[in-house]
Structure formats: structure tokens, C-alpha cells
Protein backbone atom coordinates (compact mmCIF):
# COMPACT_ATOMS: atom_id res chain seq x y z
CA MET A 1 75.19 153.83 53.41
CA ARG A 2 77.08 156.70 53.26
CA ARG A 3 77.62 155.86 56.85
CA ILE A 4 78.35 152.61 56.72
CA ALA A 5 81.03 152.83 54.14
CA GLN A 6 82.14 155.59 56.94
CA SER A 7 81.74 153.31 59.53
CA LEU A 8 84.26 150.44 57.43
CA THR A 9 86.49 152.83 56.40
CA LEU A 10 87.37 154.17 60.30
CA VAL A 11 87.98 149.98 61.75
CA LEU A 12 89.86 149.24 58.38
CA ALA A 13 92.39 152.05 59.29
CA LEU A 14 92.04 151.35 62.92
CA LEU A 15 93.20 147.62 62.11
CA PRO A 16 96.75 147.80 61.17
CA ALA A 17 97.10 149.92 65.08
CA ALA A 18 95.04 147.04 66.80
CA LEU A 19 97.15 144.07 65.16
CA PRO A 20 100.76 144.53 66.16
CA ALA A 21 99.47 144.19 69.39
CA GLN A 22 98.51 141.38 69.14
CA ASN A 23 100.96 139.52 67.45
CA ARG A 24 104.33 142.08 67.91
CA VAL A 25 107.80 141.30 66.65
CA PRO A 26 110.41 142.70 68.95
CA ASP A 27 111.57 145.90 67.56
CA SER A 28 114.51 146.61 70.75
CA LEU A 29 117.93 145.46 72.01
CA ALA A 30 116.02 145.96 75.44
CA ASP A 31 112.95 143.63 74.18
CA ILE A 32 115.47 141.00 72.00
CA GLN A 33 117.29 139.99 75.50
CA MET A 34 114.23 139.77 77.73
CA SER A 35 115.04 137.10 79.98
CA PHE A 36 114.30 135.45 83.34
CA ALA A 37 118.17 135.60 84.07
CA PRO A 38 117.68 138.32 86.70
CA VAL A 39 115.22 136.62 88.81
CA VAL A 40 117.36 133.33 88.91
CA ALA A 41 120.96 134.94 88.86
CA ALA A 42 119.01 136.94 92.83
CA ALA A 43 117.24 133.35 93.37
CA ALA A 44 119.34 130.00 92.84
CA PRO A 45 122.01 131.40 95.39
CA SER A 46 119.49 130.35 97.73
CA VAL A 47 118.19 126.83 96.69
CA VAL A 48 120.65 123.57 97.66
CA ASN A 49 120.91 120.21 97.35
CA ILE A 50 120.34 117.38 100.51
CA TYR A 51 121.82 114.27 99.73
CA ALA A 52 120.21 112.25 103.14
CA THR A 53 121.77 108.05 104.12
CA ARG A 54 119.23 106.37 105.70
CA LEU A 55 119.26 102.79 106.91
CA VAL A 56 116.88 100.51 105.69
CA ALA A 57 115.88 96.93 106.25
CA GLU A 58 116.59 94.63 103.51
CA ARG A 59 115.67 91.32 103.46
CA VAL A 60 118.46 88.36 103.13
CA SER A 61 116.30 85.06 103.45
CA PRO A 62 115.14 83.25 99.92
CA PHE A 63 112.43 82.04 102.39
CA PHE A 64 110.98 85.12 103.83
CA ASP A 65 108.42 85.64 101.98
CA ASP A 66 107.25 81.44 101.41
CA GLU A 67 104.23 80.38 104.52
CA PHE A 68 106.00 76.91 105.08
CA PHE A 69 109.57 77.70 105.40
CA SER A 70 109.62 81.00 106.78
CA GLN A 71 108.62 79.31 109.97
CA PHE A 72 111.93 78.13 110.09
CA PHE A 73 113.91 80.87 109.72
CA ARG A 74 111.84 83.57 111.90
CA ASP A 75 114.71 83.10 114.61
CA PHE A 76 118.45 83.07 111.74
CA GLY A 77 117.45 87.25 110.96
CA THR A 78 115.43 87.59 107.61
CA THR A 79 116.53 91.41 107.30
CA ARG A 80 119.95 93.39 107.84
CA PRO A 81 120.61 97.37 107.83
CA ARG A 82 121.71 98.91 104.19
CA GLU A 83 122.10 102.59 103.63
CA GLN A 84 120.12 103.98 101.22
CA ASN A 85 120.42 107.71 99.76
CA SER A 86 118.47 109.91 98.83
CA LEU A 87 118.81 113.45 96.82
CA GLY A 88 116.66 116.46 96.62
CA SER A 89 115.92 119.93 97.00
CA GLY A 90 116.23 122.85 99.27
CA VAL A 91 115.84 126.34 100.01
CA ILE A 92 118.07 128.48 102.26
CA VAL A 93 115.11 131.30 104.49
CA GLY A 94 117.51 132.23 106.67
CA ASP A 95 119.50 132.29 110.23
CA GLY A 96 120.82 129.43 108.64
CA LEU A 97 117.88 127.07 108.19
CA VAL A 98 116.81 125.54 105.26
CA VAL A 99 114.08 124.13 104.41
CA SER A 100 113.03 120.92 102.73
CA ASN A 101 109.88 117.82 101.66
CA PHE A 102 109.60 115.44 105.04
CA HIS A 103 109.81 112.61 102.88
CA VAL A 104 113.50 113.76 101.32
CA VAL A 105 114.94 113.52 104.69
CA GLU A 106 112.77 110.86 106.61
CA ASN A 107 114.57 108.68 109.14
CA ALA A 108 118.02 110.58 107.66
CA THR A 109 121.10 109.15 110.04
CA ASP A 110 123.08 112.10 107.23
CA ILE A 111 122.10 115.11 105.45
CA ARG A 112 124.42 117.14 103.29
CA ILE A 113 123.74 120.56 102.14
CA VAL A 114 125.55 121.34 99.05
CA LEU A 115 125.26 125.12 97.75
CA ALA A 116 124.66 126.39 93.79
CA ASP A 117 128.30 127.58 94.94
CA ARG A 118 129.39 124.61 95.61
CA ARG A 119 130.19 125.19 98.90
CA GLU A 120 129.00 121.84 101.46
CA PHE A 121 127.59 121.77 105.08
CA ASP A 122 126.23 119.28 107.17
CA GLY A 123 122.78 119.42 108.43
CA GLU A 124 120.91 118.82 111.35
CA LEU A 125 117.19 117.75 111.00
CA VAL A 126 114.92 120.16 113.44
CA LEU A 127 111.68 120.33 112.88
CA ALA A 128 109.85 117.77 110.66
CA ASP A 129 106.24 117.43 110.08
CA GLU A 130 105.09 114.70 107.84
CA GLU A 131 101.18 116.27 107.57
CA ALA A 132 101.80 119.09 104.94
CA ASP A 133 105.85 117.41 104.22
CA LEU A 134 107.67 119.62 105.27
CA ALA A 135 111.29 119.63 107.55
CA VAL A 136 113.63 122.36 108.57
CA ILE A 137 117.14 121.71 109.01
CA ARG A 138 120.16 123.49 110.36
CA LEU A 139 122.98 124.03 108.52
CA ASP A 140 126.48 123.71 110.35
CA SER A 141 127.48 126.83 109.72
CA ASP A 142 128.40 130.61 111.01
CA GLU A 143 128.59 132.17 107.31
CA ASP A 144 126.61 134.67 106.08
CA LEU A 145 124.51 132.17 103.52
CA PRO A 146 122.18 133.94 100.43
CA ALA A 147 118.58 133.47 101.85
CA LEU A 148 115.29 133.53 100.31
CA ASP A 149 112.54 136.05 101.24
CA PHE A 150 108.51 134.77 101.66
CA ALA A 151 106.53 135.69 99.03
CA ASP A 152 102.59 136.37 99.96
CA SER A 153 101.17 133.56 98.37
CA ASP A 154 97.50 134.34 98.87
CA ALA A 155 98.36 137.20 96.54
CA LEU A 156 99.19 134.77 93.97
CA GLU A 157 96.54 134.68 90.86
CA VAL A 158 95.96 132.14 88.36
CA GLY A 159 98.35 132.69 85.11
CA ASP A 160 100.76 134.47 86.87
CA LEU A 161 104.52 133.81 85.85
CA VAL A 162 106.71 130.99 88.63
CA LEU A 163 109.75 129.65 88.61
CA ALA A 164 111.08 125.99 89.45
CA ILE A 165 113.88 125.80 90.89
CA GLY A 166 116.44 122.40 91.65
CA ASN A 167 117.58 119.12 91.28
CA PRO A 168 115.98 117.26 88.87
CA PHE A 169 117.19 113.68 88.89
CA GLY A 170 120.65 114.44 90.30
CA VAL A 171 122.30 115.74 86.93
CA GLY A 172 122.51 120.12 88.98
CA GLN A 173 120.54 122.69 89.12
CA THR A 174 117.93 123.32 86.98
CA VAL A 175 115.66 126.21 86.53
CA SER A 176 112.19 125.21 84.68
CA SER A 177 109.25 127.91 83.70
CA GLY A 178 105.20 127.84 84.10
CA ILE A 179 102.53 129.52 85.69
CA VAL A 180 99.99 129.21 87.96
CA SER A 181 97.34 126.44 87.24
CA GLY A 182 95.47 126.38 89.75
CA LEU A 183 94.91 127.30 93.76
CA ALA A 184 93.69 125.60 96.50
CA ARG A 185 94.32 122.44 95.22
CA THR A 186 93.15 119.95 97.65
CA GLY A 187 91.89 116.74 98.81
CA ARG A 188 88.01 115.99 98.98
CA GLY A 189 85.76 114.26 100.56
CA GLY A 190 85.12 112.71 104.10
CA GLY A 191 85.57 114.68 107.56
CA ALA A 192 89.09 114.56 108.79
CA PHE A 193 91.09 117.52 107.28
CA ASN A 194 94.74 118.23 107.22
CA ALA A 195 96.72 121.21 106.40
CA GLY A 196 98.99 118.68 103.83
CA GLY A 197 96.55 118.45 101.57
CA TYR A 198 96.58 122.31 99.90
CA PHE A 199 98.75 123.17 96.92
CA ILE A 200 99.62 125.89 94.84
CA GLN A 201 99.42 123.74 90.56
CA THR A 202 101.94 124.63 87.92
CA ASP A 203 102.56 123.94 84.63
CA ALA A 204 106.23 124.54 84.91
CA PRO A 205 108.09 120.98 84.88
CA ILE A 206 108.83 119.62 87.94
CA ASN A 207 110.67 116.35 88.38
CA PRO A 208 112.36 114.17 91.03
CA GLY A 209 114.91 115.53 92.64
CA ASN A 210 112.85 119.17 92.47
CA SER A 211 111.35 117.41 95.62
CA GLY A 212 111.39 120.28 98.21
CA GLY A 213 112.88 123.02 95.53
CA ALA A 214 111.29 126.61 95.42
CA LEU A 215 108.88 127.62 93.18
CA VAL A 216 109.47 131.70 93.15
CA ASP A 217 107.95 134.41 91.54
CA MET A 218 109.42 137.12 89.28
CA SER A 219 110.19 139.17 91.95
CA GLY A 220 113.02 136.05 93.03
CA ARG A 221 110.40 135.60 96.53
CA LEU A 222 109.24 132.35 97.08
CA VAL A 223 105.94 131.33 96.56
CA GLY A 224 105.85 127.80 97.87
CA ILE A 225 108.21 124.75 97.99
CA ASN A 226 108.02 122.12 95.42
CA THR A 227 106.59 118.94 96.55
CA GLN A 228 104.52 116.45 93.56
CA ILE A 229 103.76 115.53 90.63
CA VAL A 230 101.13 113.54 88.34
CA THR A 231 102.72 111.61 86.23
CA ARG A 232 102.35 107.69 84.91
CA SER A 233 105.89 107.74 83.65
CA GLY A 234 108.09 109.11 86.70
CA GLY A 235 108.40 112.02 83.87
CA SER A 236 106.77 115.67 84.51
CA ASN A 237 102.91 115.83 82.98
CA GLY A 238 103.23 119.14 83.55
CA ILE A 239 100.93 118.68 86.48
CA GLY A 240 103.10 119.18 89.82
CA PHE A 241 101.86 120.94 93.29
CA ALA A 242 103.69 122.80 96.00
CA ILE A 243 103.07 124.06 99.56
CA PRO A 244 101.80 127.59 99.57
CA ALA A 245 104.53 130.00 101.24
CA ASN A 246 102.02 131.19 103.54
CA LEU A 247 102.41 127.88 105.53
CA VAL A 248 106.36 126.80 104.64
CA GLU A 249 106.57 130.26 106.70
CA ARG A 250 104.95 129.48 110.10
CA VAL A 251 106.85 126.53 109.95
CA VAL A 252 109.68 127.78 109.69
CA ALA A 253 108.82 130.34 112.22
CA GLN A 254 108.14 127.60 114.38
CA ALA A 255 111.66 125.79 114.40
CA ALA A 256 113.28 129.42 114.71
CA ASP A 257 111.32 129.18 118.46
CA GLY A 258 113.18 125.79 119.13
CA ALA A 259 110.24 123.99 117.94
CA ALA A 260 110.87 120.22 116.70
CA SER A 261 107.91 119.78 115.78
CA PHE A 262 105.06 121.96 114.10
CA THR A 263 102.25 123.01 116.88
CA ARG A 264 98.33 123.50 114.74
CA PRO A 265 95.28 125.22 116.43
CA TRP A 266 92.88 122.24 117.49
CA ALA A 267 89.55 122.45 115.99
CA GLY A 268 87.43 119.40 117.43
CA ILE A 269 85.00 119.41 114.90
CA GLU A 270 83.33 116.78 111.79
CA VAL A 271 83.16 118.17 108.62
CA GLN A 272 81.33 117.74 105.00
CA LEU A 273 81.71 119.13 101.78
CA VAL A 274 77.84 121.10 100.57
CA ASP A 275 76.78 118.99 97.15
CA SER A 276 74.75 120.30 95.61
CA ASP A 277 71.50 118.66 97.62
CA ILE A 278 72.69 119.82 100.53
CA SER A 279 73.20 123.79 98.89
CA ASP A 280 69.23 123.14 97.99
CA ALA A 281 68.38 122.14 101.23
CA LEU A 282 69.82 124.91 102.50
CA GLY A 283 68.39 127.66 100.59
CA LEU A 284 71.99 128.45 99.03
CA ASP A 285 72.17 130.39 95.85
CA ARG A 286 75.78 127.61 94.79
CA PRO A 287 77.34 124.75 96.50
CA LYS A 288 80.19 126.32 99.38
CA GLY A 289 81.64 125.90 102.62
CA LEU A 290 81.81 123.09 104.55
CA LEU A 291 78.80 121.29 106.55
CA VAL A 292 79.68 120.74 110.23
CA ARG A 293 78.60 117.56 110.86
CA SER A 294 78.87 117.50 115.20
CA LEU A 295 81.21 119.18 117.10
CA SER A 296 83.69 117.79 120.68
CA SER A 297 82.25 119.37 123.68
CA ALA A 298 85.99 120.79 124.40
CA SER A 299 86.06 122.59 120.94
CA PRO A 300 86.69 125.80 120.46
CA PHE A 301 84.24 125.83 118.03
CA GLU A 302 81.03 124.93 119.77
CA GLU A 303 82.40 127.65 122.43
CA ALA A 304 82.37 130.04 119.71
CA GLY A 305 78.62 129.14 119.36
CA ILE A 306 78.27 126.97 116.80
CA ARG A 307 76.15 123.73 115.64
CA ALA A 308 75.95 120.82 114.08
CA GLY A 309 74.05 121.08 110.95
CA ASP A 310 75.28 125.69 110.34
CA VAL A 311 78.10 125.54 107.29
CA ILE A 312 81.44 127.50 108.09
CA LEU A 313 81.48 129.56 104.85
CA ALA A 314 85.01 131.57 105.52
CA ILE A 315 88.40 131.54 108.22
CA ASP A 316 90.05 134.94 108.88
CA GLY A 317 88.12 136.40 105.37
CA TYR A 318 89.00 133.27 103.21
CA ASP A 319 86.74 131.18 101.77
CA ILE A 320 86.71 127.44 102.84
CA ASN A 321 85.17 125.02 99.70
CA ALA A 322 86.92 121.54 101.06
CA PRO A 323 88.46 119.72 104.26
CA ALA A 324 92.20 120.61 103.78
CA GLU A 325 91.26 124.23 103.11
CA LEU A 326 90.14 124.36 106.34
CA GLY A 327 92.82 122.95 108.06
CA PHE A 328 95.05 125.16 105.85
CA ARG A 329 93.47 128.13 107.19
CA LEU A 330 93.64 126.94 110.27
CA SER A 331 97.62 125.95 109.89
CA LEU A 332 97.83 129.65 109.69
CA GLN A 333 96.77 131.47 112.94
CA GLU A 334 99.11 131.49 115.78
CA ILE A 335 97.73 129.95 118.57
CA GLY A 336 95.94 132.09 121.24
CA ASP A 337 94.82 134.30 118.18
CA VAL A 338 90.62 135.05 118.23
CA VAL A 339 89.55 134.79 114.56
CA PRO A 340 86.27 135.89 113.11
CA VAL A 341 84.61 132.60 110.80
CA THR A 342 81.82 132.97 108.95
CA ILE A 343 79.30 130.22 108.60
CA LEU A 344 76.07 130.04 107.92
CA SER A 345 72.79 129.39 110.20
CA ASP A 346 69.36 128.87 110.18
CA GLY A 347 69.28 130.84 107.03
CA GLU A 348 71.33 133.18 108.38
CA THR A 349 74.88 134.88 107.90
CA GLU A 350 76.84 134.84 110.76
CA LEU A 351 80.71 136.21 112.48
CA ALA A 352 81.47 133.77 115.35
CA TRP A 353 85.34 134.34 117.19
CA VAL A 354 86.89 131.39 117.27
CA GLU A 355 89.91 130.98 119.73
CA MET A 356 92.70 129.28 117.98
CA ARG A 357 93.92 126.39 121.00
CA ALA A 358 97.03 123.48 120.51
CA PRO A 359 96.05 120.13 121.33
CA SER A 360 96.73 119.33 124.78
CA SER A 361 100.08 117.50 126.07
CA ALA A 362 99.71 113.94 127.35
CA SER A 363 100.44 114.88 131.64
CA GLU A 364 97.09 117.69 130.74
CA GLY A 365 95.56 115.12 128.61
CA LEU A 366 95.65 112.89 131.70
CA GLY A 367 93.73 115.62 133.32
CA GLY A 368 90.74 115.31 131.39
CA ALA A 369 91.77 116.92 128.08
CA PRO A 370 92.27 115.82 124.59
CA ILE A 371 95.78 115.00 123.56
CA THR A 372 97.28 114.42 119.84
CA VAL A 373 99.04 110.66 119.48
CA SER A 374 102.93 111.24 118.72
CA GLN A 375 103.73 107.58 119.03
CA SER A 376 104.55 106.25 114.96
CA GLY A 377 102.21 103.92 114.25
CA PRO A 378 98.45 103.14 113.63
CA PHE A 379 97.15 106.46 116.30
CA GLN A 380 99.75 108.64 115.11
CA GLY A 381 97.30 111.82 114.91
CA LEU A 382 94.73 110.78 116.53
CA VAL A 383 93.07 113.40 118.89
CA VAL A 384 92.10 111.64 121.43
CA GLN A 385 89.78 111.87 125.66
CA ASP A 386 88.88 110.55 127.85
CA LEU A 387 85.27 108.89 127.64
CA THR A 388 83.93 110.09 130.91
CA PRO A 389 80.33 109.61 132.27
CA ALA A 390 79.44 112.43 131.27
CA LEU A 391 80.61 113.10 127.96
CA ALA A 392 78.54 109.37 127.03
CA SER A 393 75.36 110.77 128.04
CA GLN A 394 76.55 114.18 125.90
CA LEU A 395 76.88 111.94 123.19
CA GLY A 396 73.96 109.49 123.23
CA LEU A 397 76.55 106.59 124.59
CA ARG A 398 75.12 103.14 126.15
CA GLU A 399 75.37 103.51 130.03
CA GLY A 400 79.02 101.76 131.40
CA MET A 401 80.95 102.32 128.18
CA GLN A 402 84.50 102.94 128.97
CA GLY A 403 87.94 103.61 127.20
CA VAL A 404 88.92 106.80 124.72
CA ILE A 405 86.96 109.10 122.05
CA VAL A 406 88.51 109.64 118.93
CA LEU A 407 88.16 113.83 118.52
CA GLY A 408 89.78 114.10 115.19
CA MET A 409 92.50 113.11 113.22
CA ASN A 410 95.69 115.80 112.64
CA ASN A 411 96.98 112.98 110.22
CA PRO A 412 94.15 110.86 108.42
CA GLY A 413 96.40 109.70 105.82
CA ARG A 414 98.07 108.36 108.57
CA ALA A 415 95.41 106.96 111.22
CA ARG A 416 92.78 106.93 107.63
CA ASN A 417 90.83 103.38 109.93
CA PHE A 418 89.29 105.74 112.41
CA GLN A 419 86.55 108.12 112.92
CA MET A 420 85.43 110.96 114.84
CA GLY A 421 83.25 109.69 117.07
CA ASP A 422 85.29 105.67 117.83
CA VAL A 423 85.86 104.85 121.58
CA ILE A 424 88.82 102.93 121.15
CA SER A 425 87.88 100.02 124.45
CA GLU A 426 90.94 97.60 123.38
CA VAL A 427 94.19 97.37 122.32
CA ASN A 428 96.45 93.85 121.85
CA GLY A 429 93.75 92.06 124.97
CA VAL A 430 94.12 95.32 127.54
CA SER A 431 90.84 96.61 128.64
CA ILE A 432 91.23 100.79 128.15
CA ARG A 433 89.11 102.12 130.66
CA SER A 434 91.40 105.60 130.79
CA LEU A 435 92.97 107.74 128.45
CA ALA A 436 95.78 106.52 131.13
CA ASP A 437 96.09 103.37 130.27
CA PHE A 438 95.78 104.13 126.61
CA VAL A 439 98.76 106.13 126.86
CA GLU A 440 100.77 103.35 128.46
CA VAL A 441 99.86 100.78 125.84
CA ILE A 442 100.28 102.46 123.33
CA GLU A 443 103.97 103.41 123.67
CA ASP A 444 104.98 99.98 123.66
CA ASP A 445 107.18 98.99 120.53
CA ARG A 446 104.90 96.70 118.90
CA ARG A 447 105.16 95.52 115.30
CA THR A 448 101.71 93.97 115.40
CA TRP A 449 98.14 95.26 117.12
CA LYS A 450 94.58 94.16 117.68
CA VAL A 451 92.28 97.09 118.66
CA VAL A 452 88.38 96.75 119.24
CA ILE A 453 87.03 99.42 118.72
CA GLU A 454 82.71 100.86 120.05
CA ARG A 455 81.40 102.55 116.68
CA ARG A 456 77.89 103.35 115.96
CA GLY A 457 76.19 100.53 118.85
CA GLY A 458 78.06 98.38 117.01
CA ARG A 459 81.87 96.41 117.73
CA VAL A 460 84.87 96.49 114.78
CA PHE A 461 87.91 94.92 115.51
CA LEU A 462 90.71 96.02 113.60
CA THR A 463 94.18 94.58 113.46
CA TRP A 464 97.55 96.32 112.14
CA ARG A 465 101.34 94.64 111.23
CA GLY A 466 104.67 96.91 110.92
């Protein structure tokens, strides 16, 4: 009993010292004056406002949507160009370059950049990447402008303090604070993957106009570019997303080297999430990784020894658990590098070394290598290749089938009606016998597209109207 009393006395003696650590009243001038102001002072001058002007088609006929009367007015013009202004934010990242969101400056005919100190400059779009929703703009200025340093976004942890800086609702530069709420936020499902679905989630209030602005850490370094919010009202609900700085830095580096578009390594594989059923079948302790469903014969993954049925667990040491995460990790690699890929094959964990390759250009593709379609329209982002007799035989397709085969989708949001392995055999009534036929047809500027696809032994007919 005496021992218990002594222990209780010791606990009570310690309590007064422990409680203040949890609920401590500021007891010094330094504590009272704690503020994010030094971080804001360092980072805010590098965050700019972007004013973009674009031409949009405006309906002018009252019968435009009338099924009967519209046919009588089709030759009189039912639309006219109208200027539309958009407002967003951007971040100066050095060498006269500003990075923002693609959707802020998409189709812009005029771009004006306004700094925090109210200096104004003309801007020229030098690189645009719709998939990652990133754009790089060059300022028309020889002045020494404040630039933000990049942080390593892979070093972020959930709970880290961050600040969002931008121009919400056009009211002027505004700063909001929050924490990192989640990492590796991605789109789920499907075999198509892209880098534009991998985000940092934050509860720092982000509103319209913040798009393209900076998400910074407590050292004032750029950890992400704010891009979108989840909202029902149009305002912030505390669920905002930012593009990780590591991807932004790669895009900016290619723009600084003179590229007009961002080049990603090409994988040539189709994958799916490992769910609990697949995990049990493979003998995994939990669902993880991506199951390889199929590979192109020209895939660098196939050349590295990876086969259908293998599970990709990690790339360059980073775990892979969603298709968008795979696209993101590939986008961080340099073309020509050989990268370690951890796989599960036949129950054993192995390391494969995969060479990072860019998709072939159109001129190279006409010699038999795959190409990526860059023309805007329903085919944009498709990776296609000639369906040679040898390839058709290897894939088990019927003898004599002609066309171009879909090897992948670098822009699945736009090319969502296609699937890996589709054979495009006809476009707008033109039989597609080779990649040369396909390239010639899609260069035509049309508003209506009719496509015939051979898919799994059947025919699929697709129609688009622009």
C-alpha cells in the first residue's frame, strides 16, 4: 500500500510539469510574435497574377439549337469570335520563366503578367502540357526578377505546414495556411495512366484564381503548383490539390532547353490495380503494386524481361500503387537513363533495369516504330504503330488484318474511347492500311470523325462531333 501511495505521489508531482507542455500560454515576446510573415516575405514576390485573353465562338442565331430551323441558317454563320478573359496565378522560377496551369492560358492570344510590386510584362507561352495541366511562360523582360527555389516534393510528409499564395477571385495576392492532408492522391482504375492525376492534397484554402499559384513550405520553397479544388459551392471546402514540385521542375527544365512540349518516357504497357482478390491469388500480404496486363512488343519494359502477369512494386525505389503514380514516376526520369524497377514475378521479388525512351517521332514511326499523336482531336495522345503481319501474328489477330494498333494513351482524358490493343481500320471512310494512311487522314481539319475499330474479334463504330 505504501508503494502504491508513493507511486501516486510521484505521478501527481509530474502532472503540473506535463500539462503546460500541451496547453502552454505564450510566455515571451518571441512566442507572441510567432508568424508566417518571414516565409511570406520571401516567397510572395515570386508569385504573379496572369491575365490571359482568348477568342471563343459565340452563338448569334436564335435558331442555333433548333433541329428544324437551324438547317436554314447554316450558311449565314451561327457563331462569331468573342474575347474572353481569364485570371490565374503563376510562379517565377528563374531565367525569365513563369510556371502556371495549362487551363489558365489555354488558347490565349495575349498574356499579361503582373508582379506583386505591380510591374507588368508581356508573356509568351513557350511550353504547354495539358496532361499535367502545366504551362511555362517566358517574360518579356531583361530585369532580375525574384524566383522561387524548388523543394523536393518527395520529402513532404502528411501534417507538414504549407502556405498557398495566389490571387483568388481577382481580389489581389492572398496567402492562406494549412497542412499537407495527403500525398500520392491519384485517379483510380483503368489501365491507362498519366502524370496529371498525381497530386499533393492540402487543406490550405484554395479558390478560383489560385490556379497556377504557389504551395510553399516553411522555408519558402516551392513544393507544388495549385491546380484544382473539390467543391460544390465554387469556394474552398478545404480539399485542394497541387502538382508536385518534382514534376514541375522537370517540365520547366525542358522548357529552358527550348522544348515546346513535355516529353515523357514511353512505357508501352497496360496495367491494373492489385485488389484483394488478385493479392490473395498472388500470395501477397496485402494489395500493392500494379499488375501488368499486356505489353507492346516494342516496350522497354518487355525488353527488360518484364512479362504479363508480373506486378510492378516500385520504380527508382518509390512504391507504385496506382496507374497515375506509375505515370508520375516515369515522368520524373530522364530520357536515356536506365532505371531500376522492382517487380514480383512467379512469387519472387526481382529487380529489372528499364531504359527510359521517348515516343518515336512521326518520321521515325513511318519506318515501323510507334508514334504519339499530337494533333488536337479524338486521337490526341494515342500511341500507335503499324500493324505488321508479324505483330498481328504475335498478338493472335486474324490473318490479313490491316490498320494501326493502339499501344497506349498518353492523354486518356481525351482519348478515353480507345483501348490498348484496338486496331484502327477506317477513318472517315478511308481504309487505314498503314501508319502513313493514318497520319495523312488525321491531319485533315474536320469537325466530325467516324472511326471503325477492330476490338477483340468484333467491330466498334465511333463518331465524334466537334
